Amino acid sequence: MNISQTAMATGLPPKTIRYYEEIGLITPSRAQNGYRSFSPSDVHKLSFLGRARELGFSIEECRALLALYEDQSRASADVKDIAEKHLQDIDAKMAKLAAMRATLSDLVTRCSGDHRPDCPILADLAIAPSGQGE
């Protein structure tokens, strides 16, 4: 398959496919004219990577998961460790987003949004974080 066919089969943009090749996640063969030729195995790996990225795994986590996928003697505990750490990262991000949302919601509620210049949103943004000077 050429890169455009592979892109259609995997749902990944050609630019992403080229990037995955550049960083060594896949290694398609090259025809004599220099064009990439993707095997069914390459397409499967790219689909795997696309799904892993949809779940938010980093490139390095994807690299590790792909290596484990290809290792028939792998321990599922190794896969689970990567997924659990990623889940913890997601939970931490969600907690941070919830705190950001609560703060912003409070500020929006306190702002009258009228013609007056007083604005609690701007006042809050102007406060230097603790430990930093002005």
C-alpha atoms as a PDB file:
ATOM      1  CA  MET A   1       0.000   0.000   0.000  1.00  0.00           C
ATOM      2  CA  ASN A   2       1.158   3.525  -0.618  1.00  0.00           C
ATOM      3  CA  ILE A   3       0.939   6.241   2.019  1.00  0.00           C
ATOM      4  CA  SER A   4      -2.423   7.650   0.894  1.00  0.00           C
ATOM      5  CA  GLN A   5      -4.008   4.185   0.910  1.00  0.00           C
ATOM      6  CA  THR A   6      -2.483   3.533   4.313  1.00  0.00           C
ATOM      7  CA  ALA A   7      -3.789   6.858   5.595  1.00  0.00           C
ATOM      8  CA  MET A   8      -7.301   5.953   4.451  1.00  0.00           C
ATOM      9  CA  ALA A   9      -7.060   2.468   5.986  1.00  0.00           C
ATOM     10  CA  THR A  10      -5.808   3.724   9.360  1.00  0.00           C
ATOM     11  CA  GLY A  11      -7.522   7.103   9.618  1.00  0.00           C
ATOM     12  CA  LEU A  12      -4.142   8.748  10.236  1.00  0.00           C
ATOM     13  CA  PRO A  13      -2.918  11.717   8.205  1.00  0.00           C
ATOM     14  CA  PRO A  14       0.079  11.034   5.933  1.00  0.00           C
ATOM     15  CA  LYS A  15       2.065  13.592   7.943  1.00  0.00           C
ATOM     16  CA  THR A  16       1.527  11.538  11.112  1.00  0.00           C
ATOM     17  CA  ILE A  17       2.508   8.340   9.322  1.00  0.00           C
ATOM     18  CA  ARG A  18       5.721   9.985   8.098  1.00  0.00           C
ATOM     19  CA  TYR A  19       6.420  11.216  11.628  1.00  0.00           C
ATOM     20  CA  TYR A  20       5.943   7.727  13.076  1.00  0.00           C
ATOM     21  CA  GLU A  21       8.415   6.464  10.500  1.00  0.00           C
ATOM     22  CA  GLU A  22      10.854   9.286  11.287  1.00  0.00           C
ATOM     23  CA  ILE A  23      10.889   8.420  15.003  1.00  0.00           C
ATOM     24  CA  GLY A  24      11.189   4.701  14.338  1.00  0.00           C
ATOM     25  CA  LEU A  25       7.749   3.447  15.359  1.00  0.00           C
ATOM     26  CA  ILE A  26       7.272   1.849  11.935  1.00  0.00           C
ATOM     27  CA  THR A  27       9.640   0.973   9.137  1.00  0.00           C
ATOM     28  CA  PRO A  28       7.863   0.595   5.803  1.00  0.00           C
ATOM     29  CA  SER A  29       9.798  -0.853   2.922  1.00  0.00           C
ATOM     30  CA  ARG A  30      10.826   1.362   0.035  1.00  0.00           C
ATOM     31  CA  ALA A  31      10.181   0.634  -3.610  1.00  0.00           C
ATOM     32  CA  GLN A  32      12.964   1.234  -6.130  1.00  0.00           C
ATOM     33  CA  ASN A  33      11.449   4.620  -6.899  1.00  0.00           C
ATOM     34  CA  GLY A  34      11.824   5.552  -3.199  1.00  0.00           C
ATOM     35  CA  TYR A  35       8.129   5.489  -2.388  1.00  0.00           C
ATOM     36  CA  ARG A  36       7.038   3.939   0.879  1.00  0.00           C
ATOM     37  CA  SER A  37       5.292   0.606   0.705  1.00  0.00           C
ATOM     38  CA  PHE A  38       3.224  -0.359   3.732  1.00  0.00           C
ATOM     39  CA  SER A  39       2.602  -4.002   4.558  1.00  0.00           C
ATOM     40  CA  PRO A  40      -0.526  -5.276   6.315  1.00  0.00           C
ATOM     41  CA  SER A  41       1.624  -5.479   9.459  1.00  0.00           C
ATOM     42  CA  ASP A  42       2.560  -1.788   9.099  1.00  0.00           C
ATOM     43  CA  VAL A  43      -1.104  -0.866   8.682  1.00  0.00           C
ATOM     44  CA  HIS A  44      -1.994  -2.872  11.776  1.00  0.00           C
ATOM     45  CA  LYS A  45       0.770  -1.166  13.804  1.00  0.00           C
ATOM     46  CA  LEU A  46      -0.395   2.245  12.616  1.00  0.00           C
ATOM     47  CA  SER A  47      -3.983   1.450  13.609  1.00  0.00           C
ATOM     48  CA  PHE A  48      -2.692   0.288  16.997  1.00  0.00           C
ATOM     49  CA  LEU A  49      -0.745   3.524  17.414  1.00  0.00           C
ATOM     50  CA  GLY A  50      -3.721   5.619  16.334  1.00  0.00           C
ATOM     51  CA  ARG A  51      -5.942   3.982  18.928  1.00  0.00           C
ATOM     52  CA  ALA A  52      -3.301   4.339  21.642  1.00  0.00           C
ATOM     53  CA  ARG A  53      -2.900   8.037  20.814  1.00  0.00           C
ATOM     54  CA  GLU A  54      -6.702   8.489  20.903  1.00  0.00           C
ATOM     55  CA  LEU A  55      -6.523   7.201  24.474  1.00  0.00           C
ATOM     56  CA  GLY A  56      -3.896   9.830  25.215  1.00  0.00           C
ATOM     57  CA  PHE A  57      -0.823   7.642  25.518  1.00  0.00           C
ATOM     58  CA  SER A  58       2.405   9.551  24.884  1.00  0.00           C
ATOM     59  CA  ILE A  59       4.708   8.629  22.036  1.00  0.00           C
ATOM     60  CA  GLU A  60       7.077   6.910  24.468  1.00  0.00           C
ATOM     61  CA  GLU A  61       4.199   5.008  26.059  1.00  0.00           C
ATOM     62  CA  CYS A  62       3.079   3.995  22.561  1.00  0.00           C
ATOM     63  CA  ARG A  63       6.598   2.818  21.793  1.00  0.00           C
ATOM     64  CA  ALA A  64       6.600   0.682  24.945  1.00  0.00           C
ATOM     65  CA  LEU A  65       3.100  -0.674  24.286  1.00  0.00           C
ATOM     66  CA  LEU A  66       3.966  -1.535  20.697  1.00  0.00           C
ATOM     67  CA  ALA A  67       7.128  -3.351  21.835  1.00  0.00           C
ATOM     68  CA  LEU A  68       5.070  -5.292  24.374  1.00  0.00           C
ATOM     69  CA  TYR A  69       2.423  -6.058  21.766  1.00  0.00           C
ATOM     70  CA  GLU A  70       5.060  -7.520  19.488  1.00  0.00           C
ATOM     71  CA  ASP A  71       6.726  -9.502  22.320  1.00  0.00           C
ATOM     72  CA  GLN A  72       4.943 -12.833  22.621  1.00  0.00           C
ATOM     73  CA  SER A  73       6.738 -13.512  25.924  1.00  0.00           C
ATOM     74  CA  ARG A  74       5.491 -10.273  27.477  1.00  0.00           C
ATOM     75  CA  ALA A  75       3.947 -10.148  30.916  1.00  0.00           C
ATOM     76  CA  SER A  76       0.528  -8.511  30.938  1.00  0.00           C
ATOM     77  CA  ALA A  77       1.610  -6.873  34.203  1.00  0.00           C
ATOM     78  CA  ASP A  78       4.011  -4.714  32.189  1.00  0.00           C
ATOM     79  CA  VAL A  79       1.173  -3.539  29.958  1.00  0.00           C
ATOM     80  CA  LYS A  80      -1.065  -2.935  32.960  1.00  0.00           C
ATOM     81  CA  ASP A  81       1.654  -0.867  34.677  1.00  0.00           C
ATOM     82  CA  ILE A  82       1.840   1.497  31.690  1.00  0.00           C
ATOM     83  CA  ALA A  83      -1.948   1.772  31.488  1.00  0.00           C
ATOM     84  CA  GLU A  84      -2.346   2.332  35.242  1.00  0.00           C
ATOM     85  CA  LYS A  85       0.264   5.105  35.258  1.00  0.00           C
ATOM     86  CA  HIS A  86      -1.482   6.731  32.303  1.00  0.00           C
ATOM     87  CA  LEU A  87      -4.820   6.449  34.102  1.00  0.00           C
ATOM     88  CA  GLN A  88      -3.296   8.161  37.148  1.00  0.00           C
ATOM     89  CA  ASP A  89      -2.025  10.948  34.880  1.00  0.00           C
ATOM     90  CA  ILE A  90      -5.520  11.356  33.416  1.00  0.00           C
ATOM     91  CA  ASP A  91      -7.054  11.476  36.902  1.00  0.00           C
ATOM     92  CA  ALA A  92      -4.544  14.151  37.953  1.00  0.00           C
ATOM     93  CA  LYS A  93      -5.325  16.217  34.849  1.00  0.00           C
ATOM     94  CA  MET A  94      -9.056  15.865  35.471  1.00  0.00           C
ATOM     95  CA  ALA A  95      -8.635  17.036  39.065  1.00  0.00           C
ATOM     96  CA  LYS A  96      -6.623  20.025  37.891  1.00  0.00           C
ATOM     97  CA  LEU A  97      -9.237  20.850  35.239  1.00  0.00           C
ATOM     98  CA  ALA A  98     -12.030  20.546  37.816  1.00  0.00           C
ATOM     99  CA  ALA A  99     -10.198  22.994  40.087  1.00  0.00           C
ATOM    100  CA  MET A 100      -9.623  25.376  37.176  1.00  0.00           C
ATOM    101  CA  ARG A 101     -13.284  25.150  36.238  1.00  0.00           C
ATOM    102  CA  ALA A 102     -14.441  25.825  39.789  1.00  0.00           C
ATOM    103  CA  THR A 103     -12.188  28.876  40.077  1.00  0.00           C
ATOM    104  CA  LEU A 104     -13.213  30.279  36.715  1.00  0.00           C
ATOM    105  CA  SER A 105     -16.882  29.589  37.364  1.00  0.00           C
ATOM    106  CA  ASP A 106     -16.653  31.483  40.656  1.00  0.00           C
ATOM    107  CA  LEU A 107     -14.923  34.414  38.968  1.00  0.00           C
ATOM    108  CA  VAL A 108     -17.485  34.541  36.154  1.00  0.00           C
ATOM    109  CA  THR A 109     -20.311  34.470  38.703  1.00  0.00           C
ATOM    110  CA  ARG A 110     -18.726  37.313  40.691  1.00  0.00           C
ATOM    111  CA  CYS A 111     -18.175  39.486  37.612  1.00  0.00           C
ATOM    112  CA  SER A 112     -21.169  41.704  36.952  1.00  0.00           C
ATOM    113  CA  GLY A 113     -20.349  41.961  33.241  1.00  0.00           C
ATOM    114  CA  ASP A 114     -21.680  45.489  33.006  1.00  0.00           C
ATOM    115  CA  HIS A 115     -20.299  48.884  31.970  1.00  0.00           C
ATOM    116  CA  ARG A 116     -18.279  49.350  35.192  1.00  0.00           C
ATOM    117  CA  PRO A 117     -14.504  48.729  35.103  1.00  0.00           C
ATOM    118  CA  ASP A 118     -14.430  46.550  38.238  1.00  0.00           C
ATOM    119  CA  CYS A 119     -13.778  42.959  37.229  1.00  0.00           C
ATOM    120  CA  PRO A 120     -12.923  40.127  39.635  1.00  0.00           C
ATOM    121  CA  ILE A 121     -11.627  38.044  36.727  1.00  0.00           C
ATOM    122  CA  LEU A 122      -8.939  40.586  35.850  1.00  0.00           C
ATOM    123  CA  ALA A 123      -8.193  41.208  39.533  1.00  0.00           C
ATOM    124  CA  ASP A 124      -7.597  37.504  40.081  1.00  0.00           C
ATOM    125  CA  LEU A 125      -5.398  37.193  36.987  1.00  0.00           C
ATOM    126  CA  ALA A 126      -3.274  40.105  38.253  1.00  0.00           C
ATOM    127  CA  ILE A 127      -2.406  38.309  41.506  1.00  0.00           C
ATOM    128  CA  ALA A 128       1.134  36.958  41.399  1.00  0.00           C
ATOM    129  CA  PRO A 129       1.402  33.248  42.280  1.00  0.00           C
ATOM    130  CA  SER A 130       2.776  32.625  45.765  1.00  0.00           C
ATOM    131  CA  GLY A 131       6.541  32.604  45.868  1.00  0.00           C
ATOM    132  CA  GLN A 132       6.922  34.938  42.883  1.00  0.00           C
ATOM    133  CA  GLY A 133       7.599  38.636  43.005  1.00  0.00           C
ATOM    134  CA  GLU A 134       5.813  41.255  40.955  1.00  0.00           C
END
